[in-house]
PDB file of N, CA and C in Angstrom:
ATOM      1  N   MET A   1      96.840 174.988  52.184  1.00  0.00           N
ATOM      2  CA  MET A   1      97.341 176.061  52.977  1.00  0.00           C
ATOM      3  C   MET A   1      98.039 175.478  54.195  1.00  0.00           C
ATOM      4  N   THR A   2      99.263 175.881  54.429  1.00  0.00           N
ATOM      5  CA  THR A   2      99.995 175.365  55.575  1.00  0.00           C
ATOM      6  C   THR A   2      99.889 176.338  56.735  1.00  0.00           C
ATOM      7  N   GLN A   3      99.941 175.797  57.924  1.00  0.00           N
ATOM      8  CA  GLN A   3      99.885 176.621  59.110  1.00  0.00           C
ATOM      9  C   GLN A   3     101.304 176.971  59.528  1.00  0.00           C
ATOM     10  N   PRO A   4     101.512 178.183  59.997  1.00  0.00           N
ATOM     11  CA  PRO A   4     102.864 178.539  60.455  1.00  0.00           C
ATOM     12  C   PRO A   4     103.196 177.763  61.725  1.00  0.00           C
ATOM     13  N   THR A   5     104.476 177.495  61.887  1.00  0.00           N
ATOM     14  CA  THR A   5     104.897 176.777  63.094  1.00  0.00           C
ATOM     15  C   THR A   5     104.780 177.705  64.293  1.00  0.00           C
ATOM     16  N   GLN A   6     104.354 177.144  65.389  1.00  0.00           N
ATOM     17  CA  GLN A   6     104.187 177.933  66.601  1.00  0.00           C
ATOM     18  C   GLN A   6     105.499 177.965  67.370  1.00  0.00           C
ATOM     19  N   THR A   7     105.804 179.093  67.928  1.00  0.00           N
ATOM     20  CA  THR A   7     107.006 179.225  68.746  1.00  0.00           C
ATOM     21  C   THR A   7     106.608 179.752  70.114  1.00  0.00           C
ATOM     22  N   ARG A   8     107.481 179.538  71.052  1.00  0.00           N
ATOM     23  CA  ARG A   8     107.245 180.075  72.385  1.00  0.00           C
ATOM     24  C   ARG A   8     107.438 181.586  72.359  1.00  0.00           C
ATOM     25  N   LYS A   9     106.536 182.319  73.021  1.00  0.00           N
ATOM     26  CA  LYS A   9     106.617 183.780  72.992  1.00  0.00           C
ATOM     27  C   LYS A   9     107.645 184.305  73.989  1.00  0.00           C
ATOM     28  N   ASN A  10     107.698 183.729  75.151  1.00  0.00           N
ATOM     29  CA  ASN A  10     108.639 184.175  76.170  1.00  0.00           C
ATOM     30  C   ASN A  10     109.730 183.136  76.338  1.00  0.00           C
ATOM     31  N   PRO A  11     110.901 183.388  75.782  1.00  0.00           N
ATOM     32  CA  PRO A  11     111.970 182.400  75.936  1.00  0.00           C
ATOM     33  C   PRO A  11     112.395 182.278  77.397  1.00  0.00           C
ATOM     34  N   GLN A  12     112.680 181.057  77.799  1.00  0.00           N
ATOM     35  CA  GLN A  12     113.093 180.788  79.165  1.00  0.00           C
ATOM     36  C   GLN A  12     114.592 181.064  79.311  1.00  0.00           C
ATOM     37  N   PRO A  13     114.987 181.740  80.384  1.00  0.00           N
ATOM     38  CA  PRO A  13     116.423 181.980  80.567  1.00  0.00           C
ATOM     39  C   PRO A  13     117.143 180.693  80.976  1.00  0.00           C
ATOM     40  N   THR A  14     118.362 180.563  80.553  1.00  0.00           N
ATOM     41  CA  THR A  14     119.199 179.426  80.921  1.00  0.00           C
ATOM     42  C   THR A  14     119.876 179.735  82.248  1.00  0.00           C
ATOM     43  N   PRO A  15     120.548 178.763  82.858  1.00  0.00           N
ATOM     44  CA  PRO A  15     121.244 179.038  84.131  1.00  0.00           C
ATOM     45  C   PRO A  15     122.278 180.161  84.023  1.00  0.00           C
ATOM     46  N   THR A  16     122.800 180.410  82.823  1.00  0.00           N
ATOM     47  CA  THR A  16     123.784 181.485  82.677  1.00  0.00           C
ATOM     48  C   THR A  16     123.121 182.849  82.564  1.00  0.00           C
ATOM     49  N   GLY A  17     121.783 182.894  82.466  1.00  0.00           N
ATOM     50  CA  GLY A  17     121.083 184.159  82.400  1.00  0.00           C
ATOM     51  C   GLY A  17     120.693 184.562  80.992  1.00  0.00           C
ATOM     52  N   ARG A  18     121.176 183.846  79.992  1.00  0.00           N
ATOM     53  CA  ARG A  18     120.838 184.182  78.611  1.00  0.00           C
ATOM     54  C   ARG A  18     119.543 183.490  78.200  1.00  0.00           C
ATOM     55  N   ALA A  19     118.788 184.152  77.364  1.00  0.00           N
ATOM     56  CA  ALA A  19     117.531 183.579  76.875  1.00  0.00           C
ATOM     57  C   ALA A  19     117.827 182.624  75.717  1.00  0.00           C
ATOM     58  N   THR A  20     117.061 181.538  75.663  1.00  0.00           N
ATOM     59  CA  THR A  20     117.232 180.591  74.565  1.00  0.00           C
ATOM     60  C   THR A  20     116.383 181.029  73.375  1.00  0.00           C
ATOM     61  N   ARG A  21     116.747 180.536  72.220  1.00  0.00           N
ATOM     62  CA  ARG A  21     115.964 180.841  71.026  1.00  0.00           C
ATOM     63  C   ARG A  21     114.642 180.105  71.066  1.00  0.00           C
ATOM     64  N   PRO A  22     113.601 180.686  70.473  1.00  0.00           N
ATOM     65  CA  PRO A  22     112.319 179.968  70.416  1.00  0.00           C
ATOM     66  C   PRO A  22     112.452 178.716  69.553  1.00  0.00           C
ATOM     67  N   THR A  23     111.839 177.639  69.988  1.00  0.00           N
ATOM     68  CA  THR A  23     111.898 176.390  69.242  1.00  0.00           C
ATOM     69  C   THR A  23     110.548 176.126  68.595  1.00  0.00           C
ATOM     70  N   PRO A  24     110.534 175.632  67.365  1.00  0.00           N
ATOM     71  CA  PRO A  24     109.248 175.331  66.727  1.00  0.00           C
ATOM     72  C   PRO A  24     108.582 174.133  67.396  1.00  0.00           C
ATOM     73  N   ALA A  25     107.259 174.167  67.484  1.00  0.00           N
ATOM     74  CA  ALA A  25     106.495 173.081  68.097  1.00  0.00           C
ATOM     75  C   ALA A  25     106.167 172.049  67.026  1.00  0.00           C
ATOM     76  N   VAL A  26     107.128 171.190  66.725  1.00  0.00           N
ATOM     77  CA  VAL A  26     106.970 170.182  65.685  1.00  0.00           C
ATOM     78  C   VAL A  26     107.323 168.828  66.270  1.00  0.00           C
ATOM     79  N   ASP A  27     106.573 167.801  65.912  1.00  0.00           N
ATOM     80  CA  ASP A  27     106.906 166.456  66.357  1.00  0.00           C
ATOM     81  C   ASP A  27     108.219 166.020  65.722  1.00  0.00           C
ATOM     82  N   ALA A  28     109.046 165.358  66.497  1.00  0.00           N
ATOM     83  CA  ALA A  28     110.337 164.909  65.993  1.00  0.00           C
ATOM     84  C   ALA A  28     110.181 163.737  65.032  1.00  0.00           C
ATOM     85  N   MET A  29     109.238 162.839  65.313  1.00  0.00           N
ATOM     86  CA  MET A  29     109.065 161.647  64.476  1.00  0.00           C
ATOM     87  C   MET A  29     107.700 161.714  63.799  1.00  0.00           C
ATOM     88  N   PRO A  30     107.662 161.610  62.473  1.00  0.00           N
ATOM     89  CA  PRO A  30     106.367 161.684  61.791  1.00  0.00           C
ATOM     90  C   PRO A  30     105.526 160.420  61.965  1.00  0.00           C
ATOM     91  N   PHE A  31     106.167 159.262  62.164  1.00  0.00           N
ATOM     92  CA  PHE A  31     105.454 157.997  62.324  1.00  0.00           C
ATOM     93  C   PHE A  31     105.543 157.521  63.762  1.00  0.00           C
ATOM     94  N   ARG A  32     104.517 156.840  64.194  1.00  0.00           N
ATOM     95  CA  ARG A  32     104.479 156.232  65.514  1.00  0.00           C
ATOM     96  C   ARG A  32     104.557 154.715  65.363  1.00  0.00           C
ATOM     97  N   ARG A  33     104.483 154.010  66.476  1.00  0.00           N
ATOM     98  CA  ARG A  33     104.587 152.545  66.464  1.00  0.00           C
ATOM     99  C   ARG A  33     103.520 151.877  65.582  1.00  0.00           C
ATOM    100  N   PRO A  34     102.243 152.300  65.644  1.00  0.00           N
ATOM    101  CA  PRO A  34     101.242 151.648  64.774  1.00  0.00           C
ATOM    102  C   PRO A  34     101.541 151.828  63.285  1.00  0.00           C
ATOM    103  N   ASN A  35     102.124 152.983  62.928  1.00  0.00           N
ATOM    104  CA  ASN A  35     102.479 153.203  61.532  1.00  0.00           C
ATOM    105  C   ASN A  35     103.534 152.196  61.077  1.00  0.00           C
ATOM    106  N   TYR A  36     104.540 151.989  61.908  1.00  0.00           N
ATOM    107  CA  TYR A  36     105.593 151.053  61.544  1.00  0.00           C
ATOM    108  C   TYR A  36     105.081 149.605  61.501  1.00  0.00           C
ATOM    109  N   LEU A  37     104.167 149.274  62.399  1.00  0.00           N
ATOM    110  CA  LEU A  37     103.588 147.927  62.364  1.00  0.00           C
ATOM    111  C   LEU A  37     102.778 147.726  61.086  1.00  0.00           C
ATOM    112  N   LEU A  38     102.013 148.733  60.686  1.00  0.00           N
ATOM    113  CA  LEU A  38     101.250 148.629  59.441  1.00  0.00           C
ATOM    114  C   LEU A  38     102.167 148.592  58.219  1.00  0.00           C
ATOM    115  N   LEU A  39     103.253 149.337  58.248  1.00  0.00           N
ATOM    116  CA  LEU A  39     104.220 149.281  57.146  1.00  0.00           C
ATOM    117  C   LEU A  39     104.825 147.881  57.023  1.00  0.00           C
ATOM    118  N   GLY A  40     105.139 147.279  58.156  1.00  0.00           N
ATOM    119  CA  GLY A  40     105.677 145.913  58.137  1.00  0.00           C
ATOM    120  C   GLY A  40     104.650 144.916  57.627  1.00  0.00           C
ATOM    121  N   ALA A  41     103.392 145.066  58.062  1.00  0.00           N
ATOM    122  CA  ALA A  41     102.334 144.163  57.599  1.00  0.00           C
ATOM    123  C   ALA A  41     102.119 144.315  56.095  1.00  0.00           C
ATOM    124  N   GLY A  42     102.151 145.546  55.607  1.00  0.00           N
ATOM    125  CA  GLY A  42     101.994 145.773  54.168  1.00  0.00           C
ATOM    126  C   GLY A  42     103.134 145.167  53.362  1.00  0.00           C
ATOM    127  N   ALA A  43     104.352 145.291  53.881  1.00  0.00           N
ATOM    128  CA  ALA A  43     105.505 144.702  53.188  1.00  0.00           C
ATOM    129  C   ALA A  43     105.409 143.179  53.172  1.00  0.00           C
ATOM    130  N   ILE A  44     104.949 142.588  54.262  1.00  0.00           N
ATOM    131  CA  ILE A  44     104.786 141.129  54.315  1.00  0.00           C
ATOM    132  C   ILE A  44     103.703 140.679  53.336  1.00  0.00           C
ATOM    133  N   LEU A  45     102.602 141.430  53.259  1.00  0.00           N
ATOM    134  CA  LEU A  45     101.546 141.094  52.299  1.00  0.00           C
ATOM    135  C   LEU A  45     102.066 141.163  50.863  1.00  0.00           C
ATOM    136  N   LEU A  46     102.893 142.150  50.573  1.00  0.00           N
ATOM    137  CA  LEU A  46     103.473 142.237  49.226  1.00  0.00           C
ATOM    138  C   LEU A  46     104.378 141.039  48.935  1.00  0.00           C
ATOM    139  N   LEU A  47     105.188 140.659  49.909  1.00  0.00           N
ATOM    140  CA  LEU A  47     106.065 139.499  49.706  1.00  0.00           C
ATOM    141  C   LEU A  47     105.257 138.222  49.481  1.00  0.00           C
ATOM    142  N   ILE A  48     104.187 138.053  50.253  1.00  0.00           N
ATOM    143  CA  ILE A  48     103.335 136.870  50.083  1.00  0.00           C
ATOM    144  C   ILE A  48     102.674 136.890  48.713  1.00  0.00           C
ATOM    145  N   GLY A  49     102.155 138.047  48.317  1.00  0.00           N
ATOM    146  CA  GLY A  49     101.480 138.158  47.024  1.00  0.00           C
ATOM    147  C   GLY A  49     102.409 137.880  45.858  1.00  0.00           C
ATOM    148  N   TYR A  50     103.596 138.448  45.895  1.00  0.00           N
ATOM    149  CA  TYR A  50     104.532 138.212  44.798  1.00  0.00           C
ATOM    150  C   TYR A  50     105.066 136.771  44.808  1.00  0.00           C
ATOM    151  N   SER A  51     105.170 136.179  45.984  1.00  0.00           N
ATOM    152  CA  SER A  51     105.599 134.774  46.016  1.00  0.00           C
ATOM    153  C   SER A  51     104.487 133.853  45.490  1.00  0.00           C
ATOM    154  N   LEU A  52     103.222 134.252  45.675  1.00  0.00           N
ATOM    155  CA  LEU A  52     102.116 133.468  45.101  1.00  0.00           C
ATOM    156  C   LEU A  52     102.135 133.495  43.578  1.00  0.00           C
ATOM    157  N   LEU A  53     102.696 134.532  43.006  1.00  0.00           N
ATOM    158  CA  LEU A  53     102.812 134.579  41.549  1.00  0.00           C
ATOM    159  C   LEU A  53     103.800 133.538  41.032  1.00  0.00           C
ATOM    160  N   LEU A  54     104.705 133.093  41.872  1.00  0.00           N
ATOM    161  CA  LEU A  54     105.730 132.135  41.456  1.00  0.00           C
ATOM    162  C   LEU A  54     105.308 130.678  41.652  1.00  0.00           C
ATOM    163  N   VAL A  55     104.155 130.430  42.282  1.00  0.00           N
ATOM    164  CA  VAL A  55     103.758 129.072  42.643  1.00  0.00           C
ATOM    165  C   VAL A  55     103.590 128.143  41.444  1.00  0.00           C
ATOM    166  N   PRO A  56     102.807 128.484  40.436  1.00  0.00           N
ATOM    167  CA  PRO A  56     102.606 127.506  39.366  1.00  0.00           C
ATOM    168  C   PRO A  56     103.852 127.377  38.483  1.00  0.00           C
ATOM    169  N   ALA A  57     104.207 126.147  38.194  1.00  0.00           N
ATOM    170  CA  ALA A  57     105.361 125.895  37.321  1.00  0.00           C
ATOM    171  C   ALA A  57     104.917 125.666  35.881  1.00  0.00           C
ATOM    172  N   HIS A  58     103.611 125.703  35.631  1.00  0.00           N
ATOM    173  CA  HIS A  58     103.087 125.483  34.289  1.00  0.00           C
ATOM    174  C   HIS A  58     102.317 126.722  33.838  1.00  0.00           C
ATOM    175  N   PHE A  59     101.821 126.674  32.626  1.00  0.00           N
ATOM    176  CA  PHE A  59     101.074 127.787  32.063  1.00  0.00           C
ATOM    177  C   PHE A  59      99.812 128.048  32.885  1.00  0.00           C
ATOM    178  N   VAL A  60      99.549 129.317  33.210  1.00  0.00           N
ATOM    179  CA  VAL A  60      98.369 129.675  33.990  1.00  0.00           C
ATOM    180  C   VAL A  60      97.183 129.768  33.038  1.00  0.00           C
ATOM    181  N   ASP A  61      96.148 128.974  33.332  1.00  0.00           N
ATOM    182  CA  ASP A  61      94.961 128.932  32.486  1.00  0.00           C
ATOM    183  C   ASP A  61      93.749 129.323  33.319  1.00  0.00           C
ATOM    184  N   ALA A  62      92.834 130.093  32.748  1.00  0.00           N
ATOM    185  CA  ALA A  62      91.654 130.542  33.474  1.00  0.00           C
ATOM    186  C   ALA A  62      90.644 129.420  33.683  1.00  0.00           C
ATOM    187  N   LYS A  63      90.811 128.278  33.013  1.00  0.00           N
ATOM    188  CA  LYS A  63      89.865 127.168  33.146  1.00  0.00           C
ATOM    189  C   LYS A  63      90.093 126.374  34.432  1.00  0.00           C
ATOM    190  N   GLU A  64      91.284 126.456  34.980  1.00  0.00           N
ATOM    191  CA  GLU A  64      91.562 125.759  36.234  1.00  0.00           C
ATOM    192  C   GLU A  64      92.013 126.771  37.279  1.00  0.00           C
ATOM    193  N   PHE A  65      91.783 126.428  38.550  1.00  0.00           N
ATOM    194  CA  PHE A  65      92.127 127.340  39.633  1.00  0.00           C
ATOM    195  C   PHE A  65      93.632 127.503  39.749  1.00  0.00           C
ATOM    196  N   SER A  66      94.068 128.736  39.866  1.00  0.00           N
ATOM    197  CA  SER A  66      95.488 129.024  40.026  1.00  0.00           C
ATOM    198  C   SER A  66      95.638 130.169  41.031  1.00  0.00           C
ATOM    199  N   PRO A  67      96.462 129.976  42.070  1.00  0.00           N
ATOM    200  CA  PRO A  67      96.659 131.064  43.037  1.00  0.00           C
ATOM    201  C   PRO A  67      97.267 132.307  42.395  1.00  0.00           C
ATOM    202  N   ALA A  68      98.073 132.111  41.366  1.00  0.00           N
ATOM    203  CA  ALA A  68      98.699 133.249  40.707  1.00  0.00           C
ATOM    204  C   ALA A  68      97.670 134.106  39.980  1.00  0.00           C
ATOM    205  N   LEU A  69      96.583 133.511  39.581  1.00  0.00           N
ATOM    206  CA  LEU A  69      95.582 134.237  38.812  1.00  0.00           C
ATOM    207  C   LEU A  69      94.491 134.841  39.679  1.00  0.00           C
ATOM    208  N   TYR A  70      94.127 134.186  40.775  1.00  0.00           N
ATOM    209  CA  TYR A  70      92.981 134.626  41.560  1.00  0.00           C
ATOM    210  C   TYR A  70      93.330 135.206  42.931  1.00  0.00           C
ATOM    211  N   ILE A  71      94.324 134.677  43.602  1.00  0.00           N
ATOM    212  CA  ILE A  71      94.623 135.108  44.969  1.00  0.00           C
ATOM    213  C   ILE A  71      95.719 136.176  45.010  1.00  0.00           C
ATOM    214  N   ALA A  72      96.764 135.998  44.234  1.00  0.00           N
ATOM    215  CA  ALA A  72      97.917 136.897  44.288  1.00  0.00           C
ATOM    216  C   ALA A  72      97.561 138.359  44.006  1.00  0.00           C
ATOM    217  N   PRO A  73      96.767 138.669  42.992  1.00  0.00           N
ATOM    218  CA  PRO A  73      96.448 140.092  42.769  1.00  0.00           C
ATOM    219  C   PRO A  73      95.710 140.745  43.934  1.00  0.00           C
ATOM    220  N   VAL A  74      94.824 140.006  44.584  1.00  0.00           N
ATOM    221  CA  VAL A  74      94.086 140.549  45.723  1.00  0.00           C
ATOM    222  C   VAL A  74      95.030 140.805  46.895  1.00  0.00           C
ATOM    223  N   VAL A  75      95.946 139.877  47.135  1.00  0.00           N
ATOM    224  CA  VAL A  75      96.904 140.038  48.243  1.00  0.00           C
ATOM    225  C   VAL A  75      97.846 141.210  47.963  1.00  0.00           C
ATOM    226  N   ILE A  76      98.294 141.355  46.725  1.00  0.00           N
ATOM    227  CA  ILE A  76      99.194 142.453  46.369  1.00  0.00           C
ATOM    228  C   ILE A  76      98.487 143.796  46.517  1.00  0.00           C
ATOM    229  N   MET A  77      97.251 143.888  46.039  1.00  0.00           N
ATOM    230  CA  MET A  77      96.511 145.141  46.198  1.00  0.00           C
ATOM    231  C   MET A  77      96.241 145.442  47.680  1.00  0.00           C
ATOM    232  N   GLY A  78      96.005 144.414  48.475  1.00  0.00           N
ATOM    233  CA  GLY A  78      95.850 144.612  49.916  1.00  0.00           C
ATOM    234  C   GLY A  78      97.128 145.122  50.550  1.00  0.00           C
ATOM    235  N   GLY A  79      98.271 144.625  50.089  1.00  0.00           N
ATOM    236  CA  GLY A  79      99.562 145.102  50.597  1.00  0.00           C
ATOM    237  C   GLY A  79      99.797 146.561  50.270  1.00  0.00           C
ATOM    238  N   PHE A  80      99.498 146.951  49.025  1.00  0.00           N
ATOM    239  CA  PHE A  80      99.660 148.352  48.645  1.00  0.00           C
ATOM    240  C   PHE A  80      98.673 149.241  49.405  1.00  0.00           C
ATOM    241  N   GLY A  81      97.461 148.764  49.603  1.00  0.00           N
ATOM    242  CA  GLY A  81      96.482 149.528  50.377  1.00  0.00           C
ATOM    243  C   GLY A  81      96.917 149.714  51.821  1.00  0.00           C
ATOM    244  N   THR A  82      97.478 148.672  52.406  1.00  0.00           N
ATOM    245  CA  THR A  82      97.963 148.759  53.787  1.00  0.00           C
ATOM    246  C   THR A  82      99.121 149.736  53.892  1.00  0.00           C
ATOM    247  N   LEU A  83     100.028 149.715  52.930  1.00  0.00           N
ATOM    248  CA  LEU A  83     101.148 150.658  52.937  1.00  0.00           C
ATOM    249  C   LEU A  83     100.649 152.097  52.805  1.00  0.00           C
ATOM    250  N   LEU A  84      99.704 152.316  51.929  1.00  0.00           N
ATOM    251  CA  LEU A  84      99.166 153.660  51.744  1.00  0.00           C
ATOM    252  C   LEU A  84      98.475 154.149  53.012  1.00  0.00           C
ATOM    253  N   TYR A  85      97.703 153.279  53.637  1.00  0.00           N
ATOM    254  CA  TYR A  85      97.021 153.648  54.884  1.00  0.00           C
ATOM    255  C   TYR A  85      98.030 153.944  55.992  1.00  0.00           C
ATOM    256  N   ALA A  86      99.108 153.142  56.055  1.00  0.00           N
ATOM    257  CA  ALA A  86     100.119 153.347  57.098  1.00  0.00           C
ATOM    258  C   ALA A  86     100.838 154.685  56.917  1.00  0.00           C
ATOM    259  N   ILE A  87     101.031 155.109  55.688  1.00  0.00           N
ATOM    260  CA  ILE A  87     101.728 156.358  55.436  1.00  0.00           C
ATOM    261  C   ILE A  87     100.809 157.551  55.743  1.00  0.00           C
ATOM    262  N   LEU A  88      99.543 157.435  55.396  1.00  0.00           N
ATOM    263  CA  LEU A  88      98.625 158.561  55.563  1.00  0.00           C
ATOM    264  C   LEU A  88      98.004 158.653  56.951  1.00  0.00           C
ATOM    265  N   LYS A  89      98.073 157.595  57.744  1.00  0.00           N
ATOM    266  CA  LYS A  89      97.455 157.586  59.071  1.00  0.00           C
ATOM    267  C   LYS A  89      98.228 158.509  60.017  1.00  0.00           C
ATOM    268  N   ARG A  90      97.516 159.263  60.784  1.00  0.00           N
ATOM    269  CA  ARG A  90      98.172 160.135  61.747  1.00  0.00           C
ATOM    270  C   ARG A  90      97.716 159.814  63.120  1.00  0.00           C
TER     271      ARG A  90
END
């Protein structure tokens, strides 16, 4: 359920004597500075995670440690989680 936008009940007169139209009480920008910082951090985490997938030049085997197999998926999921949190945070 959405709430109706609030408007001013008594419009203020302008210097010419005419009343202005009521303006809706809505924020101009949906995101603030922390949101943009988190979006940037999430994008950087995604870049790091996907670049970790490119590190091994040989076949990835579960018998030996490989950043592409163990670290990259965690970093990528952290990047997506950070992006989701940055979008939903108010």
